[in-house]
């Protein structure tokens, strides 16, 4: 006869076995995604909004995109207090990725289209 284990406790034990602990590397924040260089986004250009926060998803996304080999990244936010610092940090860490920053309201579709066009033309796309 099997041990009389509470099903809820058994399920919690199973879930706990699948939960990852954050990676601790030389990247300034604990993280789950890999920050090891790769080629998944090789040659791609990205505009990532919401990047001003120190612990935000925008900054993390920009770092992961650069790690995945993006050709160029424009990090943006309505507030710009930290954008230059994050752009420099990502650029130092992944020098093969061109990183620019821009303060703007991402709810403005015309601006986003113009930013994409300007970025692509400066990177030789059309």
N, C-alpha and C. Protein backbone atom coordinates (compact mmCIF):
# COMPACT_ATOMS: atom_id res chain seq x y z
N UNK A 1 0.84 -1.18 0.00
CA UNK A 1 0.00 0.00 0.00
C UNK A 1 0.88 1.25 0.00
N UNK A 2 0.52 2.24 -0.87
CA UNK A 2 1.28 3.47 -0.96
C UNK A 2 1.14 4.28 0.31
N UNK A 3 2.16 5.11 0.52
CA UNK A 3 2.09 6.03 1.66
C UNK A 3 0.88 6.94 1.51
N UNK A 4 0.27 7.24 2.60
CA UNK A 4 -0.87 8.16 2.57
C UNK A 4 -0.36 9.60 2.55
N UNK A 5 0.00 10.06 1.35
CA UNK A 5 0.50 11.42 1.18
C UNK A 5 -0.66 12.30 0.73
N UNK A 6 -0.77 13.43 1.38
CA UNK A 6 -1.79 14.41 1.00
C UNK A 6 -1.55 14.83 -0.46
N UNK A 7 -2.56 14.70 -1.34
CA UNK A 7 -2.39 15.04 -2.75
C UNK A 7 -1.92 16.49 -2.96
N UNK A 8 -2.39 17.39 -2.15
CA UNK A 8 -1.97 18.79 -2.28
C UNK A 8 -0.48 18.92 -1.97
N UNK A 9 -0.01 18.23 -0.94
CA UNK A 9 1.41 18.28 -0.59
C UNK A 9 2.26 17.63 -1.69
N UNK A 10 1.77 16.54 -2.25
CA UNK A 10 2.47 15.88 -3.34
C UNK A 10 2.59 16.81 -4.54
N UNK A 11 1.51 17.50 -4.89
CA UNK A 11 1.53 18.43 -6.02
C UNK A 11 2.48 19.59 -5.75
N UNK A 12 2.49 20.11 -4.55
CA UNK A 12 3.42 21.19 -4.21
C UNK A 12 4.87 20.72 -4.34
N UNK A 13 5.14 19.50 -3.95
CA UNK A 13 6.48 18.93 -4.08
C UNK A 13 6.87 18.83 -5.56
N UNK A 14 5.92 18.40 -6.41
CA UNK A 14 6.19 18.30 -7.84
C UNK A 14 6.45 19.66 -8.46
N UNK A 15 5.65 20.64 -8.08
CA UNK A 15 5.82 21.99 -8.61
C UNK A 15 7.16 22.56 -8.18
N UNK A 16 7.51 22.38 -6.93
CA UNK A 16 8.77 22.90 -6.40
C UNK A 16 9.96 22.36 -7.19
N UNK A 17 9.88 21.13 -7.64
CA UNK A 17 10.97 20.52 -8.40
C UNK A 17 11.15 21.20 -9.76
N UNK A 18 10.11 21.88 -10.26
CA UNK A 18 10.18 22.52 -11.57
C UNK A 18 10.50 24.01 -11.51
N UNK A 19 10.44 24.59 -10.34
CA UNK A 19 10.68 26.02 -10.21
C UNK A 19 12.18 26.30 -10.27
N UNK A 20 12.55 27.20 -11.16
CA UNK A 20 13.95 27.58 -11.29
C UNK A 20 14.29 28.68 -10.30
N UNK A 21 15.49 28.64 -9.84
CA UNK A 21 16.01 29.74 -9.04
C UNK A 21 16.62 30.74 -10.01
N UNK A 22 16.58 32.02 -9.68
CA UNK A 22 17.18 33.00 -10.57
C UNK A 22 18.67 32.73 -10.75
N UNK A 23 19.16 33.01 -11.96
CA UNK A 23 20.59 32.87 -12.22
C UNK A 23 21.30 34.09 -11.64
N UNK A 24 22.45 33.86 -11.09
CA UNK A 24 23.26 34.96 -10.59
C UNK A 24 24.56 34.95 -11.39
N UNK A 25 24.73 35.99 -12.21
CA UNK A 25 25.92 36.11 -13.05
C UNK A 25 26.49 37.51 -12.85
N UNK A 26 27.32 37.94 -13.75
CA UNK A 26 27.85 39.30 -13.65
C UNK A 26 26.82 40.34 -14.09
N UNK A 27 25.66 39.90 -14.63
CA UNK A 27 24.58 40.83 -14.93
C UNK A 27 24.09 41.41 -13.62
N UNK A 28 23.77 42.70 -13.55
CA UNK A 28 23.49 43.34 -12.26
C UNK A 28 22.24 42.88 -11.51
N UNK A 29 21.35 42.12 -12.15
CA UNK A 29 20.13 41.68 -11.47
C UNK A 29 19.98 40.17 -11.58
N UNK A 30 19.39 39.51 -10.58
CA UNK A 30 19.08 38.09 -10.75
C UNK A 30 18.11 37.92 -11.92
N UNK A 31 18.25 36.85 -12.70
CA UNK A 31 17.43 36.69 -13.89
C UNK A 31 17.20 35.21 -14.18
N UNK A 32 16.23 34.93 -15.03
CA UNK A 32 15.88 33.56 -15.40
C UNK A 32 16.33 33.22 -16.82
N UNK A 33 16.24 34.18 -17.73
CA UNK A 33 16.63 33.93 -19.13
C UNK A 33 18.15 33.99 -19.26
N UNK A 34 18.66 33.36 -20.28
CA UNK A 34 20.10 33.33 -20.51
C UNK A 34 20.61 34.69 -20.98
N UNK A 35 21.74 35.10 -20.47
CA UNK A 35 22.40 36.31 -20.96
C UNK A 35 23.68 35.93 -21.71
N UNK A 36 23.80 34.64 -22.03
CA UNK A 36 24.94 34.17 -22.82
C UNK A 36 24.70 34.53 -24.29
N UNK A 37 25.74 35.01 -24.99
CA UNK A 37 25.56 35.39 -26.39
C UNK A 37 25.04 34.24 -27.25
N UNK A 38 24.16 34.57 -28.17
CA UNK A 38 23.58 33.60 -29.09
C UNK A 38 23.30 34.25 -30.43
N UNK A 39 22.62 33.53 -31.32
CA UNK A 39 22.37 34.04 -32.67
C UNK A 39 20.90 34.02 -33.07
N UNK A 40 20.01 33.78 -32.14
CA UNK A 40 18.59 33.65 -32.46
C UNK A 40 18.02 34.88 -33.17
N UNK A 41 18.47 36.07 -32.78
CA UNK A 41 17.94 37.31 -33.39
C UNK A 41 18.97 37.98 -34.29
N UNK A 42 19.91 37.23 -34.80
CA UNK A 42 20.97 37.78 -35.64
C UNK A 42 20.38 38.60 -36.79
N UNK A 43 20.89 39.82 -36.93
CA UNK A 43 20.46 40.69 -38.02
C UNK A 43 19.15 41.42 -37.78
N UNK A 44 18.49 41.19 -36.65
CA UNK A 44 17.18 41.81 -36.39
C UNK A 44 17.37 43.17 -35.71
N UNK A 45 16.37 44.03 -35.88
CA UNK A 45 16.34 45.34 -35.26
C UNK A 45 15.11 45.41 -34.37
N UNK A 46 15.27 45.90 -33.14
CA UNK A 46 14.14 45.95 -32.20
C UNK A 46 14.00 47.32 -31.56
N UNK A 47 12.76 47.74 -31.37
CA UNK A 47 12.44 48.92 -30.56
C UNK A 47 11.74 48.39 -29.32
N UNK A 48 12.32 48.63 -28.16
CA UNK A 48 11.78 48.08 -26.92
C UNK A 48 11.39 49.24 -26.02
N UNK A 49 10.13 49.28 -25.65
CA UNK A 49 9.62 50.38 -24.82
C UNK A 49 9.58 49.94 -23.35
N UNK A 50 9.43 50.93 -22.50
CA UNK A 50 9.35 50.65 -21.06
C UNK A 50 10.68 50.26 -20.47
N UNK A 51 11.75 50.91 -20.90
CA UNK A 51 13.11 50.51 -20.51
C UNK A 51 13.74 51.37 -19.42
N UNK A 52 13.05 52.34 -18.90
CA UNK A 52 13.69 53.25 -17.95
C UNK A 52 13.86 52.65 -16.55
N UNK A 53 12.99 51.74 -16.16
CA UNK A 53 13.01 51.20 -14.80
C UNK A 53 14.26 50.35 -14.55
N UNK A 54 14.79 50.46 -13.35
CA UNK A 54 15.99 49.70 -12.98
C UNK A 54 15.75 48.20 -12.97
N UNK A 55 14.57 47.77 -12.53
CA UNK A 55 14.26 46.35 -12.44
C UNK A 55 13.09 45.96 -13.35
N UNK A 56 12.92 46.68 -14.45
CA UNK A 56 11.77 46.45 -15.31
C UNK A 56 12.00 45.42 -16.39
N UNK A 57 10.89 45.02 -16.99
CA UNK A 57 10.93 44.02 -18.05
C UNK A 57 11.53 44.59 -19.34
N UNK A 58 11.40 45.89 -19.56
CA UNK A 58 11.97 46.49 -20.76
C UNK A 58 13.49 46.38 -20.79
N UNK A 59 14.12 46.72 -19.69
CA UNK A 59 15.59 46.63 -19.59
C UNK A 59 16.03 45.18 -19.76
N UNK A 60 15.32 44.27 -19.11
CA UNK A 60 15.67 42.84 -19.21
C UNK A 60 15.49 42.35 -20.64
N UNK A 61 14.41 42.76 -21.29
CA UNK A 61 14.15 42.34 -22.67
C UNK A 61 15.26 42.85 -23.60
N UNK A 62 15.64 44.09 -23.44
CA UNK A 62 16.71 44.65 -24.28
C UNK A 62 18.00 43.86 -24.09
N UNK A 63 18.32 43.50 -22.88
CA UNK A 63 19.53 42.72 -22.61
C UNK A 63 19.45 41.35 -23.27
N UNK A 64 18.31 40.69 -23.15
CA UNK A 64 18.14 39.36 -23.74
C UNK A 64 18.19 39.43 -25.26
N UNK A 65 17.58 40.47 -25.85
CA UNK A 65 17.63 40.63 -27.31
C UNK A 65 19.07 40.83 -27.78
N UNK A 66 19.83 41.64 -27.06
CA UNK A 66 21.24 41.84 -27.42
C UNK A 66 22.01 40.54 -27.28
N UNK A 67 21.74 39.80 -26.22
CA UNK A 67 22.41 38.51 -26.01
C UNK A 67 22.06 37.53 -27.13
N UNK A 68 20.86 37.66 -27.68
CA UNK A 68 20.42 36.75 -28.74
C UNK A 68 20.91 37.19 -30.12
N UNK A 69 21.76 38.22 -30.17
CA UNK A 69 22.40 38.59 -31.42
C UNK A 69 21.73 39.67 -32.24
N UNK A 70 20.79 40.43 -31.65
CA UNK A 70 20.14 41.49 -32.41
C UNK A 70 21.17 42.45 -32.98
N UNK A 71 20.94 42.89 -34.22
CA UNK A 71 21.86 43.81 -34.88
C UNK A 71 21.80 45.19 -34.23
N UNK A 72 20.58 45.63 -33.90
CA UNK A 72 20.40 46.95 -33.30
C UNK A 72 19.18 46.95 -32.40
N UNK A 73 19.26 47.75 -31.35
CA UNK A 73 18.16 47.89 -30.40
C UNK A 73 18.00 49.38 -30.09
N UNK A 74 16.76 49.84 -30.10
CA UNK A 74 16.44 51.18 -29.61
C UNK A 74 15.65 50.96 -28.32
N UNK A 75 16.21 51.43 -27.20
CA UNK A 75 15.47 51.33 -25.94
C UNK A 75 14.78 52.67 -25.71
N UNK A 76 13.55 52.61 -25.23
CA UNK A 76 12.75 53.83 -25.13
C UNK A 76 11.85 53.80 -23.90
N UNK A 77 11.46 54.99 -23.49
CA UNK A 77 10.51 55.15 -22.40
C UNK A 77 10.06 56.60 -22.41
N UNK A 78 8.96 56.87 -21.76
CA UNK A 78 8.48 58.24 -21.63
C UNK A 78 9.45 59.03 -20.74
N UNK A 79 9.91 58.41 -19.68
CA UNK A 79 10.93 58.99 -18.81
C UNK A 79 12.30 58.52 -19.30
N UNK A 80 13.30 59.37 -19.19
CA UNK A 80 14.60 58.99 -19.74
C UNK A 80 15.73 58.99 -18.72
N UNK A 81 15.41 59.01 -17.44
CA UNK A 81 16.43 59.12 -16.40
C UNK A 81 17.55 58.11 -16.54
N UNK A 82 17.23 56.86 -16.86
CA UNK A 82 18.22 55.78 -16.89
C UNK A 82 18.54 55.25 -18.28
N UNK A 83 17.86 55.72 -19.31
CA UNK A 83 18.01 55.13 -20.64
C UNK A 83 19.46 55.15 -21.14
N UNK A 84 20.14 56.27 -20.99
CA UNK A 84 21.52 56.37 -21.46
C UNK A 84 22.41 55.35 -20.73
N UNK A 85 22.21 55.24 -19.43
CA UNK A 85 23.00 54.29 -18.63
C UNK A 85 22.75 52.86 -19.09
N UNK A 86 21.48 52.49 -19.31
CA UNK A 86 21.16 51.12 -19.74
C UNK A 86 21.71 50.87 -21.14
N UNK A 87 21.62 51.86 -22.03
CA UNK A 87 22.14 51.69 -23.39
C UNK A 87 23.66 51.46 -23.35
N UNK A 88 24.34 52.23 -22.54
CA UNK A 88 25.80 52.06 -22.41
C UNK A 88 26.14 50.70 -21.81
N UNK A 89 25.38 50.30 -20.80
CA UNK A 89 25.61 49.01 -20.14
C UNK A 89 25.43 47.84 -21.12
N UNK A 90 24.35 47.87 -21.86
CA UNK A 90 24.07 46.79 -22.82
C UNK A 90 25.11 46.82 -23.95
N UNK A 91 25.46 48.03 -24.41
CA UNK A 91 26.45 48.16 -25.47
C UNK A 91 27.82 47.64 -25.06
N UNK A 92 28.22 47.88 -23.82
CA UNK A 92 29.50 47.34 -23.32
C UNK A 92 29.46 45.82 -23.24
N UNK A 93 28.34 45.30 -22.78
CA UNK A 93 28.20 43.86 -22.58
C UNK A 93 28.10 43.11 -23.91
N UNK A 94 27.42 43.71 -24.89
CA UNK A 94 27.22 43.08 -26.21
C UNK A 94 27.62 44.07 -27.30
N UNK A 95 28.91 44.27 -27.51
CA UNK A 95 29.38 45.31 -28.44
C UNK A 95 28.98 45.08 -29.90
N UNK A 96 28.59 43.86 -30.25
CA UNK A 96 28.16 43.60 -31.63
C UNK A 96 26.76 44.12 -31.90
N UNK A 97 26.04 44.55 -30.87
CA UNK A 97 24.69 45.11 -31.01
C UNK A 97 24.77 46.63 -30.87
N UNK A 98 24.24 47.34 -31.85
CA UNK A 98 24.15 48.79 -31.77
C UNK A 98 22.97 49.13 -30.86
N UNK A 99 23.22 49.91 -29.81
CA UNK A 99 22.15 50.25 -28.86
C UNK A 99 21.99 51.77 -28.81
N UNK A 100 20.77 52.21 -29.08
CA UNK A 100 20.44 53.63 -28.99
C UNK A 100 19.31 53.80 -27.98
N UNK A 101 19.14 55.01 -27.49
CA UNK A 101 18.04 55.28 -26.56
C UNK A 101 17.28 56.51 -27.02
N UNK A 102 16.00 56.53 -26.69
CA UNK A 102 15.14 57.64 -27.09
C UNK A 102 13.99 57.77 -26.09
N UNK A 103 13.74 58.97 -25.62
CA UNK A 103 12.58 59.22 -24.75
C UNK A 103 11.40 59.62 -25.63
N UNK A 104 10.32 58.86 -25.55
CA UNK A 104 9.10 59.20 -26.29
C UNK A 104 7.91 58.45 -25.73
N UNK A 105 6.72 58.91 -26.12
CA UNK A 105 5.46 58.29 -25.72
C UNK A 105 5.15 57.17 -26.70
N UNK A 106 5.25 55.94 -26.25
CA UNK A 106 5.07 54.77 -27.12
C UNK A 106 3.63 54.59 -27.59
N UNK A 107 2.70 55.36 -27.03
CA UNK A 107 1.32 55.23 -27.50
C UNK A 107 1.13 55.95 -28.83
N UNK A 108 2.14 56.65 -29.30
CA UNK A 108 2.04 57.37 -30.57
C UNK A 108 2.50 56.52 -31.75
N UNK A 109 1.58 55.86 -32.40
CA UNK A 109 1.89 54.97 -33.53
C UNK A 109 2.71 55.67 -34.62
N UNK A 110 2.38 56.90 -35.04
CA UNK A 110 3.19 57.53 -36.08
C UNK A 110 4.66 57.65 -35.70
N UNK A 111 4.92 57.97 -34.43
CA UNK A 111 6.32 58.07 -34.01
C UNK A 111 7.02 56.73 -34.10
N UNK A 112 6.35 55.68 -33.66
CA UNK A 112 6.95 54.35 -33.72
C UNK A 112 7.26 53.96 -35.16
N UNK A 113 6.36 54.22 -36.07
CA UNK A 113 6.61 53.90 -37.49
C UNK A 113 7.80 54.69 -38.00
N UNK A 114 7.87 55.96 -37.64
CA UNK A 114 9.00 56.79 -38.06
C UNK A 114 10.30 56.31 -37.45
N UNK A 115 10.28 55.90 -36.17
CA UNK A 115 11.49 55.40 -35.51
C UNK A 115 11.97 54.12 -36.17
N UNK A 116 11.04 53.26 -36.52
CA UNK A 116 11.40 52.00 -37.19
C UNK A 116 12.03 52.29 -38.55
N UNK A 117 11.42 53.19 -39.31
CA UNK A 117 11.95 53.55 -40.63
C UNK A 117 13.34 54.15 -40.52
N UNK A 118 13.53 55.07 -39.56
CA UNK A 118 14.84 55.70 -39.38
C UNK A 118 15.89 54.67 -38.98
N UNK A 119 15.53 53.75 -38.07
CA UNK A 119 16.46 52.73 -37.60
C UNK A 119 16.84 51.81 -38.74
N UNK A 120 15.85 51.36 -39.52
CA UNK A 120 16.13 50.43 -40.62
C UNK A 120 16.97 51.08 -41.69
N UNK A 121 16.70 52.35 -42.02
CA UNK A 121 17.49 52.99 -43.07
C UNK A 121 18.92 53.20 -42.61
N UNK A 122 19.13 53.49 -41.32
CA UNK A 122 20.50 53.68 -40.82
C UNK A 122 21.25 52.35 -40.72
N UNK A 123 20.51 51.22 -40.71
CA UNK A 123 21.13 49.91 -40.64
C UNK A 123 21.18 49.22 -42.00
N UNK A 124 20.80 49.95 -43.06
CA UNK A 124 20.87 49.39 -44.41
C UNK A 124 19.69 48.52 -44.80
N UNK A 125 18.57 48.63 -44.12
CA UNK A 125 17.36 47.87 -44.47
C UNK A 125 16.48 48.72 -45.35
N UNK A 126 15.63 48.10 -46.10
CA UNK A 126 14.57 48.77 -46.85
C UNK A 126 13.63 47.78 -47.41
